[in-house]
């Protein structure tokens, strides 16, 4: 559950949501068990056909590779699933930026970042790592994941098909310009459009990362509560489908 790293002017967080339901126990639902059982056993990461989850994984996120580009006020944005041989060096360089490393904790040699990426690419399909292209230029790293199937679900009132996002803006020149909130809004709305069964997008940035929390607020997320996770105290941010045209 790495914290999100974005750039925006910090804003004070609103009070926690007091209408929280009881947190669900993290158990694999029948949907996931069936999909894992039916997935090809011999596929290697990167061998799947166009639009398929990598490694023949079960599709738990409605074909992120096929979500396509979306127009934003900053330009045309496109989420592209990670390919190790193409993207590792760039993502590792971003992870070694001190401003990123403070929250993602993946600084070090490339193999540390590689292990983090491969764990998702060869996993059960609940998380898809992506590079974000703005007008064709790689400039951000994203993880789109099933929050209801993630360990995070032990710590908040998860609902079926909750979709989570992690984000870091790669280059220092792209930070502090409001790109974080612009792209977060675009990706959250894209996920809601491409995943009709999903009722909300969630995120859990580190509470200390005030620019990140402010970016989520600017992107139409609401502050739900503070959450004590094993590696941080987080702000649970939620973008609701039924409020997306109002916030």
C-alpha atoms as a PDB file:
ATOM      1  CA  UNK A   1       0.000   0.000   0.000  1.00  0.00           C
ATOM      2  CA  UNK A   2       2.519   2.623  -1.082  1.00  0.00           C
ATOM      3  CA  UNK A   3       1.418   6.194  -0.450  1.00  0.00           C
ATOM      4  CA  UNK A   4       0.499   8.455  -3.312  1.00  0.00           C
ATOM      5  CA  UNK A   5       2.921  11.202  -4.314  1.00  0.00           C
ATOM      6  CA  UNK A   6       1.358  14.144  -6.158  1.00  0.00           C
ATOM      7  CA  UNK A   7       1.826  17.893  -6.245  1.00  0.00           C
ATOM      8  CA  UNK A   8      -0.668  20.563  -5.303  1.00  0.00           C
ATOM      9  CA  UNK A   9      -1.053  23.322  -2.767  1.00  0.00           C
ATOM     10  CA  UNK A  10      -1.830  21.858   0.650  1.00  0.00           C
ATOM     11  CA  UNK A  11      -5.337  22.323   2.017  1.00  0.00           C
ATOM     12  CA  UNK A  12      -6.630  21.444   5.502  1.00  0.00           C
ATOM     13  CA  UNK A  13      -8.371  18.091   5.620  1.00  0.00           C
ATOM     14  CA  UNK A  14     -12.114  18.098   6.437  1.00  0.00           C
ATOM     15  CA  UNK A  15     -13.386  16.138   9.421  1.00  0.00           C
ATOM     16  CA  UNK A  16     -13.585  12.353   9.179  1.00  0.00           C
ATOM     17  CA  UNK A  17     -16.665  10.594   7.821  1.00  0.00           C
ATOM     18  CA  UNK A  18     -18.576   9.419  10.870  1.00  0.00           C
ATOM     19  CA  UNK A  19     -20.967   7.199   8.914  1.00  0.00           C
ATOM     20  CA  UNK A  20     -18.402   4.469   8.331  1.00  0.00           C
ATOM     21  CA  UNK A  21     -19.603   0.893   8.238  1.00  0.00           C
ATOM     22  CA  UNK A  22     -17.839  -2.022   9.884  1.00  0.00           C
ATOM     23  CA  UNK A  23     -14.670  -3.004   8.081  1.00  0.00           C
ATOM     24  CA  UNK A  24     -14.931  -6.207   6.028  1.00  0.00           C
ATOM     25  CA  UNK A  25     -12.642  -9.121   6.748  1.00  0.00           C
ATOM     26  CA  UNK A  26     -10.253  -9.680   3.850  1.00  0.00           C
ATOM     27  CA  UNK A  27     -11.330 -12.978   2.329  1.00  0.00           C
ATOM     28  CA  UNK A  28     -10.982 -14.002  -1.296  1.00  0.00           C
ATOM     29  CA  UNK A  29     -14.459 -13.841  -2.859  1.00  0.00           C
ATOM     30  CA  UNK A  30     -15.774 -16.581  -5.109  1.00  0.00           C
ATOM     31  CA  UNK A  31     -15.221 -14.276  -8.107  1.00  0.00           C
ATOM     32  CA  UNK A  32     -11.466 -14.126  -7.498  1.00  0.00           C
ATOM     33  CA  UNK A  33     -11.115 -17.786  -6.629  1.00  0.00           C
ATOM     34  CA  UNK A  34     -12.902 -18.804  -9.846  1.00  0.00           C
ATOM     35  CA  UNK A  35     -10.850 -16.457 -11.996  1.00  0.00           C
ATOM     36  CA  UNK A  36      -7.556 -17.652 -10.537  1.00  0.00           C
ATOM     37  CA  UNK A  37      -8.580 -21.264 -11.055  1.00  0.00           C
ATOM     38  CA  UNK A  38      -9.420 -20.620 -14.708  1.00  0.00           C
ATOM     39  CA  UNK A  39      -6.290 -18.570 -15.532  1.00  0.00           C
ATOM     40  CA  UNK A  40      -3.659 -20.188 -17.789  1.00  0.00           C
ATOM     41  CA  UNK A  41      -0.982 -21.786 -15.635  1.00  0.00           C
ATOM     42  CA  UNK A  42       1.933 -21.632 -18.052  1.00  0.00           C
ATOM     43  CA  UNK A  43       1.748 -17.992 -19.146  1.00  0.00           C
ATOM     44  CA  UNK A  44       4.747 -15.798 -18.431  1.00  0.00           C
ATOM     45  CA  UNK A  45       4.563 -12.106 -17.636  1.00  0.00           C
ATOM     46  CA  UNK A  46       4.116 -10.094 -20.803  1.00  0.00           C
ATOM     47  CA  UNK A  47       2.947 -13.071 -22.931  1.00  0.00           C
ATOM     48  CA  UNK A  48      -0.755 -12.213 -22.940  1.00  0.00           C
ATOM     49  CA  UNK A  49      -2.356 -10.873 -26.092  1.00  0.00           C
ATOM     50  CA  UNK A  50      -3.293  -7.233 -26.695  1.00  0.00           C
ATOM     51  CA  UNK A  51      -5.707  -5.929 -24.100  1.00  0.00           C
ATOM     52  CA  UNK A  52      -5.226  -8.937 -21.835  1.00  0.00           C
ATOM     53  CA  UNK A  53      -3.892  -8.740 -18.283  1.00  0.00           C
ATOM     54  CA  UNK A  54      -0.166  -9.589 -18.184  1.00  0.00           C
ATOM     55  CA  UNK A  55       0.903 -13.168 -17.595  1.00  0.00           C
ATOM     56  CA  UNK A  56      -2.555 -14.611 -18.266  1.00  0.00           C
ATOM     57  CA  UNK A  57      -3.788 -13.216 -14.963  1.00  0.00           C
ATOM     58  CA  UNK A  58      -7.525 -13.127 -14.244  1.00  0.00           C
ATOM     59  CA  UNK A  59      -9.030  -9.805 -15.301  1.00  0.00           C
ATOM     60  CA  UNK A  60     -10.199  -8.124 -12.114  1.00  0.00           C
ATOM     61  CA  UNK A  61     -10.034  -4.544 -13.397  1.00  0.00           C
ATOM     62  CA  UNK A  62     -11.921  -4.610 -16.701  1.00  0.00           C
ATOM     63  CA  UNK A  63      -8.966  -4.493 -19.073  1.00  0.00           C
ATOM     64  CA  UNK A  64      -6.946  -1.479 -17.953  1.00  0.00           C
ATOM     65  CA  UNK A  65      -4.871  -1.893 -21.122  1.00  0.00           C
ATOM     66  CA  UNK A  66      -7.980  -1.117 -23.167  1.00  0.00           C
ATOM     67  CA  UNK A  67      -9.162   1.926 -21.239  1.00  0.00           C
ATOM     68  CA  UNK A  68      -7.568   4.125 -23.887  1.00  0.00           C
ATOM     69  CA  UNK A  69      -6.485   7.778 -23.887  1.00  0.00           C
ATOM     70  CA  UNK A  70      -8.539  10.579 -22.382  1.00  0.00           C
ATOM     71  CA  UNK A  71      -8.450  14.327 -23.014  1.00  0.00           C
ATOM     72  CA  UNK A  72      -7.610  16.518 -20.019  1.00  0.00           C
ATOM     73  CA  UNK A  73      -6.961  20.262 -19.588  1.00  0.00           C
ATOM     74  CA  UNK A  74      -3.246  19.363 -19.515  1.00  0.00           C
ATOM     75  CA  UNK A  75      -3.263  17.295 -22.712  1.00  0.00           C
ATOM     76  CA  UNK A  76      -4.090  13.769 -23.848  1.00  0.00           C
ATOM     77  CA  UNK A  77      -3.422  11.287 -21.055  1.00  0.00           C
ATOM     78  CA  UNK A  78      -3.011   7.537 -21.474  1.00  0.00           C
ATOM     79  CA  UNK A  79      -2.448   4.794 -18.889  1.00  0.00           C
ATOM     80  CA  UNK A  80      -0.216   2.067 -20.330  1.00  0.00           C
ATOM     81  CA  UNK A  81       0.484  -1.129 -18.340  1.00  0.00           C
ATOM     82  CA  UNK A  82       4.139  -1.484 -17.364  1.00  0.00           C
ATOM     83  CA  UNK A  83       6.565  -3.592 -19.378  1.00  0.00           C
ATOM     84  CA  UNK A  84       9.699  -4.348 -17.374  1.00  0.00           C
ATOM     85  CA  UNK A  85      12.110  -4.239 -20.306  1.00  0.00           C
ATOM     86  CA  UNK A  86      10.782  -0.882 -21.468  1.00  0.00           C
ATOM     87  CA  UNK A  87       9.940   0.946 -18.237  1.00  0.00           C
ATOM     88  CA  UNK A  88      12.128  -0.327 -15.383  1.00  0.00           C
ATOM     89  CA  UNK A  89      15.008   2.135 -15.709  1.00  0.00           C
ATOM     90  CA  UNK A  90      12.709   5.147 -15.852  1.00  0.00           C
ATOM     91  CA  UNK A  91      10.512   4.046 -12.939  1.00  0.00           C
ATOM     92  CA  UNK A  92      13.553   3.178 -10.842  1.00  0.00           C
ATOM     93  CA  UNK A  93      14.986   6.641 -11.484  1.00  0.00           C
ATOM     94  CA  UNK A  94      11.734   8.190 -10.296  1.00  0.00           C
ATOM     95  CA  UNK A  95      11.758   6.013  -7.181  1.00  0.00           C
ATOM     96  CA  UNK A  96      15.226   7.321  -6.337  1.00  0.00           C
ATOM     97  CA  UNK A  97      14.139  10.940  -6.360  1.00  0.00           C
ATOM     98  CA  UNK A  98      14.272  11.969  -2.666  1.00  0.00           C
ATOM     99  CA  UNK A  99      10.809  13.573  -2.837  1.00  0.00           C
ATOM    100  CA  UNK A 100       9.365  10.259  -4.062  1.00  0.00           C
ATOM    101  CA  UNK A 101      11.529   7.935  -1.972  1.00  0.00           C
ATOM    102  CA  UNK A 102      10.322   9.520   1.271  1.00  0.00           C
ATOM    103  CA  UNK A 103       6.866   8.073   0.734  1.00  0.00           C
ATOM    104  CA  UNK A 104       7.289   5.123  -1.653  1.00  0.00           C
ATOM    105  CA  UNK A 105      10.391   3.682   0.066  1.00  0.00           C
ATOM    106  CA  UNK A 106      11.677   1.975  -3.095  1.00  0.00           C
ATOM    107  CA  UNK A 107      14.945   3.864  -3.517  1.00  0.00           C
ATOM    108  CA  UNK A 108      17.997   1.761  -4.301  1.00  0.00           C
ATOM    109  CA  UNK A 109      19.149  -0.439  -7.168  1.00  0.00           C
ATOM    110  CA  UNK A 110      16.855  -1.254 -10.072  1.00  0.00           C
ATOM    111  CA  UNK A 111      16.188  -4.758  -8.793  1.00  0.00           C
ATOM    112  CA  UNK A 112      14.303  -3.324  -5.827  1.00  0.00           C
ATOM    113  CA  UNK A 113      11.862  -1.534  -8.113  1.00  0.00           C
ATOM    114  CA  UNK A 114      11.795  -4.570 -10.396  1.00  0.00           C
ATOM    115  CA  UNK A 115      10.697  -6.792  -7.529  1.00  0.00           C
ATOM    116  CA  UNK A 116       7.882  -4.387  -6.700  1.00  0.00           C
ATOM    117  CA  UNK A 117       6.678  -4.366 -10.313  1.00  0.00           C
ATOM    118  CA  UNK A 118       7.009  -8.106 -10.908  1.00  0.00           C
ATOM    119  CA  UNK A 119       5.026  -8.894  -7.775  1.00  0.00           C
ATOM    120  CA  UNK A 120       2.082  -7.191  -9.474  1.00  0.00           C
ATOM    121  CA  UNK A 121       2.749  -8.390 -13.031  1.00  0.00           C
ATOM    122  CA  UNK A 122       2.970 -12.041 -11.977  1.00  0.00           C
ATOM    123  CA  UNK A 123       0.381 -11.826  -9.193  1.00  0.00           C
ATOM    124  CA  UNK A 124      -3.305 -12.613  -9.145  1.00  0.00           C
ATOM    125  CA  UNK A 125      -4.406  -9.573 -11.141  1.00  0.00           C
ATOM    126  CA  UNK A 126      -5.658  -7.418  -8.308  1.00  0.00           C
ATOM    127  CA  UNK A 127      -3.131  -4.626  -9.113  1.00  0.00           C
ATOM    128  CA  UNK A 128      -1.965  -3.286 -12.488  1.00  0.00           C
ATOM    129  CA  UNK A 129       1.141  -1.040 -12.577  1.00  0.00           C
ATOM    130  CA  UNK A 130       1.035   1.571 -15.335  1.00  0.00           C
ATOM    131  CA  UNK A 131       3.064   4.386 -16.829  1.00  0.00           C
ATOM    132  CA  UNK A 132       1.129   7.582 -17.453  1.00  0.00           C
ATOM    133  CA  UNK A 133       1.773   9.243 -20.819  1.00  0.00           C
ATOM    134  CA  UNK A 134       0.900  12.908 -21.254  1.00  0.00           C
ATOM    135  CA  UNK A 135       0.820  13.824 -24.945  1.00  0.00           C
ATOM    136  CA  UNK A 136       2.893  10.692 -25.540  1.00  0.00           C
ATOM    137  CA  UNK A 137       5.596  11.453 -22.946  1.00  0.00           C
ATOM    138  CA  UNK A 138       6.042   9.157 -19.893  1.00  0.00           C
ATOM    139  CA  UNK A 139       5.669  11.379 -16.828  1.00  0.00           C
ATOM    140  CA  UNK A 140       3.990   9.430 -14.024  1.00  0.00           C
ATOM    141  CA  UNK A 141       3.662   5.997 -12.436  1.00  0.00           C
ATOM    142  CA  UNK A 142       0.286   4.572 -11.399  1.00  0.00           C
ATOM    143  CA  UNK A 143      -1.082   1.491  -9.694  1.00  0.00           C
ATOM    144  CA  UNK A 144      -4.742   0.690 -10.325  1.00  0.00           C
ATOM    145  CA  UNK A 145      -5.884  -1.977  -7.889  1.00  0.00           C
ATOM    146  CA  UNK A 146      -8.888  -3.741  -6.415  1.00  0.00           C
ATOM    147  CA  UNK A 147      -9.042  -2.125  -2.995  1.00  0.00           C
ATOM    148  CA  UNK A 148     -11.669  -4.604  -1.835  1.00  0.00           C
ATOM    149  CA  UNK A 149      -9.215  -7.467  -2.489  1.00  0.00           C
ATOM    150  CA  UNK A 150      -6.183  -5.639  -1.075  1.00  0.00           C
ATOM    151  CA  UNK A 151      -4.914  -5.790   2.526  1.00  0.00           C
ATOM    152  CA  UNK A 152      -6.218  -2.215   2.747  1.00  0.00           C
ATOM    153  CA  UNK A 153      -9.717  -3.718   3.007  1.00  0.00           C
ATOM    154  CA  UNK A 154      -8.932  -4.785   6.576  1.00  0.00           C
ATOM    155  CA  UNK A 155      -8.669  -1.146   7.609  1.00  0.00           C
ATOM    156  CA  UNK A 156     -11.711   0.559   6.094  1.00  0.00           C
ATOM    157  CA  UNK A 157     -15.349  -0.323   5.264  1.00  0.00           C
ATOM    158  CA  UNK A 158     -14.624  -1.831   1.847  1.00  0.00           C
ATOM    159  CA  UNK A 159     -17.349  -2.395  -0.714  1.00  0.00           C
ATOM    160  CA  UNK A 160     -17.278  -4.899  -3.601  1.00  0.00           C
ATOM    161  CA  UNK A 161     -15.316  -3.609  -6.600  1.00  0.00           C
ATOM    162  CA  UNK A 162     -13.816  -0.595  -4.816  1.00  0.00           C
ATOM    163  CA  UNK A 163     -10.985   0.522  -7.094  1.00  0.00           C
ATOM    164  CA  UNK A 164      -7.842   2.079  -5.643  1.00  0.00           C
ATOM    165  CA  UNK A 165      -5.181   4.305  -7.185  1.00  0.00           C
ATOM    166  CA  UNK A 166      -1.586   5.097  -6.295  1.00  0.00           C
ATOM    167  CA  UNK A 167       0.261   7.841  -8.170  1.00  0.00           C
ATOM    168  CA  UNK A 168       3.638   9.492  -8.369  1.00  0.00           C
ATOM    169  CA  UNK A 169       4.584  12.349 -10.671  1.00  0.00           C
ATOM    170  CA  UNK A 170       7.998  11.472 -12.085  1.00  0.00           C
ATOM    171  CA  UNK A 171       9.876  14.625 -13.029  1.00  0.00           C
ATOM    172  CA  UNK A 172      10.360  17.603 -10.694  1.00  0.00           C
ATOM    173  CA  UNK A 173       9.348  19.884 -13.579  1.00  0.00           C
ATOM    174  CA  UNK A 174       5.890  18.307 -13.625  1.00  0.00           C
ATOM    175  CA  UNK A 175       5.281  18.894  -9.924  1.00  0.00           C
ATOM    176  CA  UNK A 176       3.709  21.940  -8.355  1.00  0.00           C
ATOM    177  CA  UNK A 177       1.671  22.763 -11.477  1.00  0.00           C
ATOM    178  CA  UNK A 178      -1.616  21.139 -10.534  1.00  0.00           C
ATOM    179  CA  UNK A 179      -1.039  18.104 -12.761  1.00  0.00           C
ATOM    180  CA  UNK A 180      -1.689  15.757  -9.856  1.00  0.00           C
ATOM    181  CA  UNK A 181      -5.267  16.859  -9.307  1.00  0.00           C
ATOM    182  CA  UNK A 182      -5.945  17.125 -13.057  1.00  0.00           C
ATOM    183  CA  UNK A 183      -4.753  13.596 -13.761  1.00  0.00           C
ATOM    184  CA  UNK A 184      -6.299  12.097 -10.630  1.00  0.00           C
ATOM    185  CA  UNK A 185      -9.701  13.433 -11.651  1.00  0.00           C
ATOM    186  CA  UNK A 186      -9.235  12.112 -15.183  1.00  0.00           C
ATOM    187  CA  UNK A 187      -8.139   8.635 -14.077  1.00  0.00           C
ATOM    188  CA  UNK A 188     -10.828   8.342 -11.400  1.00  0.00           C
ATOM    189  CA  UNK A 189     -13.535   9.284 -13.879  1.00  0.00           C
ATOM    190  CA  UNK A 190     -12.029   6.979 -16.502  1.00  0.00           C
ATOM    191  CA  UNK A 191     -12.053   4.068 -14.037  1.00  0.00           C
ATOM    192  CA  UNK A 192     -15.684   4.740 -13.140  1.00  0.00           C
ATOM    193  CA  UNK A 193     -16.604   4.883 -16.821  1.00  0.00           C
ATOM    194  CA  UNK A 194     -14.756   1.665 -17.709  1.00  0.00           C
ATOM    195  CA  UNK A 195     -15.784  -0.222 -14.556  1.00  0.00           C
ATOM    196  CA  UNK A 196     -19.584   0.082 -14.306  1.00  0.00           C
ATOM    197  CA  UNK A 197     -19.656  -2.294 -11.317  1.00  0.00           C
ATOM    198  CA  UNK A 198     -17.407   0.043  -9.330  1.00  0.00           C
ATOM    199  CA  UNK A 199     -19.201   2.563  -7.142  1.00  0.00           C
ATOM    200  CA  UNK A 200     -16.212   4.545  -5.933  1.00  0.00           C
ATOM    201  CA  UNK A 201     -12.488   5.167  -6.279  1.00  0.00           C
ATOM    202  CA  UNK A 202     -10.385   5.168  -3.105  1.00  0.00           C
ATOM    203  CA  UNK A 203      -6.848   6.143  -2.152  1.00  0.00           C
ATOM    204  CA  UNK A 204      -4.782   6.250   1.035  1.00  0.00           C
ATOM    205  CA  UNK A 205      -1.986   8.842   0.819  1.00  0.00           C
ATOM    206  CA  UNK A 206       0.248   9.390   3.816  1.00  0.00           C
ATOM    207  CA  UNK A 207      -1.237  12.085   6.052  1.00  0.00           C
ATOM    208  CA  UNK A 208       2.168  13.779   6.126  1.00  0.00           C
ATOM    209  CA  UNK A 209       2.049  14.187   2.353  1.00  0.00           C
ATOM    210  CA  UNK A 210      -0.101  17.314   2.407  1.00  0.00           C
ATOM    211  CA  UNK A 211       0.399  18.149  -1.311  1.00  0.00           C
ATOM    212  CA  UNK A 212      -0.942  14.703  -2.169  1.00  0.00           C
ATOM    213  CA  UNK A 213      -3.975  15.016   0.097  1.00  0.00           C
ATOM    214  CA  UNK A 214      -4.671  18.462  -1.367  1.00  0.00           C
ATOM    215  CA  UNK A 215      -4.416  17.066  -4.906  1.00  0.00           C
ATOM    216  CA  UNK A 216      -7.056  14.434  -4.121  1.00  0.00           C
ATOM    217  CA  UNK A 217      -9.351  17.074  -2.672  1.00  0.00           C
ATOM    218  CA  UNK A 218      -8.870  19.183  -5.789  1.00  0.00           C
ATOM    219  CA  UNK A 219      -9.670  16.139  -7.934  1.00  0.00           C
ATOM    220  CA  UNK A 220     -13.128  15.692  -6.407  1.00  0.00           C
ATOM    221  CA  UNK A 221     -12.253  13.149  -3.727  1.00  0.00           C
ATOM    222  CA  UNK A 222     -13.619  13.599  -0.226  1.00  0.00           C
ATOM    223  CA  UNK A 223     -11.729  12.975   2.985  1.00  0.00           C
ATOM    224  CA  UNK A 224     -13.411  10.001   4.661  1.00  0.00           C
ATOM    225  CA  UNK A 225     -11.250   9.212   7.684  1.00  0.00           C
ATOM    226  CA  UNK A 226      -7.769   8.712   9.075  1.00  0.00           C
ATOM    227  CA  UNK A 227      -6.585   5.118   8.826  1.00  0.00           C
ATOM    228  CA  UNK A 228      -3.752   3.477  10.766  1.00  0.00           C
ATOM    229  CA  UNK A 229      -1.990   1.169   8.289  1.00  0.00           C
ATOM    230  CA  UNK A 230       1.038  -0.991   9.129  1.00  0.00           C
ATOM    231  CA  UNK A 231       3.473   1.414   7.455  1.00  0.00           C
ATOM    232  CA  UNK A 232       1.791   4.808   7.827  1.00  0.00           C
ATOM    233  CA  UNK A 233      -1.123   6.849   9.069  1.00  0.00           C
ATOM    234  CA  UNK A 234      -3.170   7.522   5.959  1.00  0.00           C
ATOM    235  CA  UNK A 235      -5.933   9.786   4.771  1.00  0.00           C
ATOM    236  CA  UNK A 236      -8.700   7.666   3.239  1.00  0.00           C
ATOM    237  CA  UNK A 237      -9.842   9.582   0.163  1.00  0.00           C
ATOM    238  CA  UNK A 238     -13.001   8.611  -1.750  1.00  0.00           C
ATOM    239  CA  UNK A 239     -14.456   9.709  -5.090  1.00  0.00           C
ATOM    240  CA  UNK A 240     -18.062   8.530  -5.268  1.00  0.00           C
ATOM    241  CA  UNK A 241     -19.727   7.688  -8.565  1.00  0.00           C
ATOM    242  CA  UNK A 242     -22.942   9.461  -7.574  1.00  0.00           C
ATOM    243  CA  UNK A 243     -21.073  12.650  -6.621  1.00  0.00           C
ATOM    244  CA  UNK A 244     -18.577  12.822  -9.477  1.00  0.00           C
ATOM    245  CA  UNK A 245     -20.552  15.484 -11.379  1.00  0.00           C
ATOM    246  CA  UNK A 246     -20.854  17.665  -8.282  1.00  0.00           C
ATOM    247  CA  UNK A 247     -17.277  17.628  -6.938  1.00  0.00           C
END
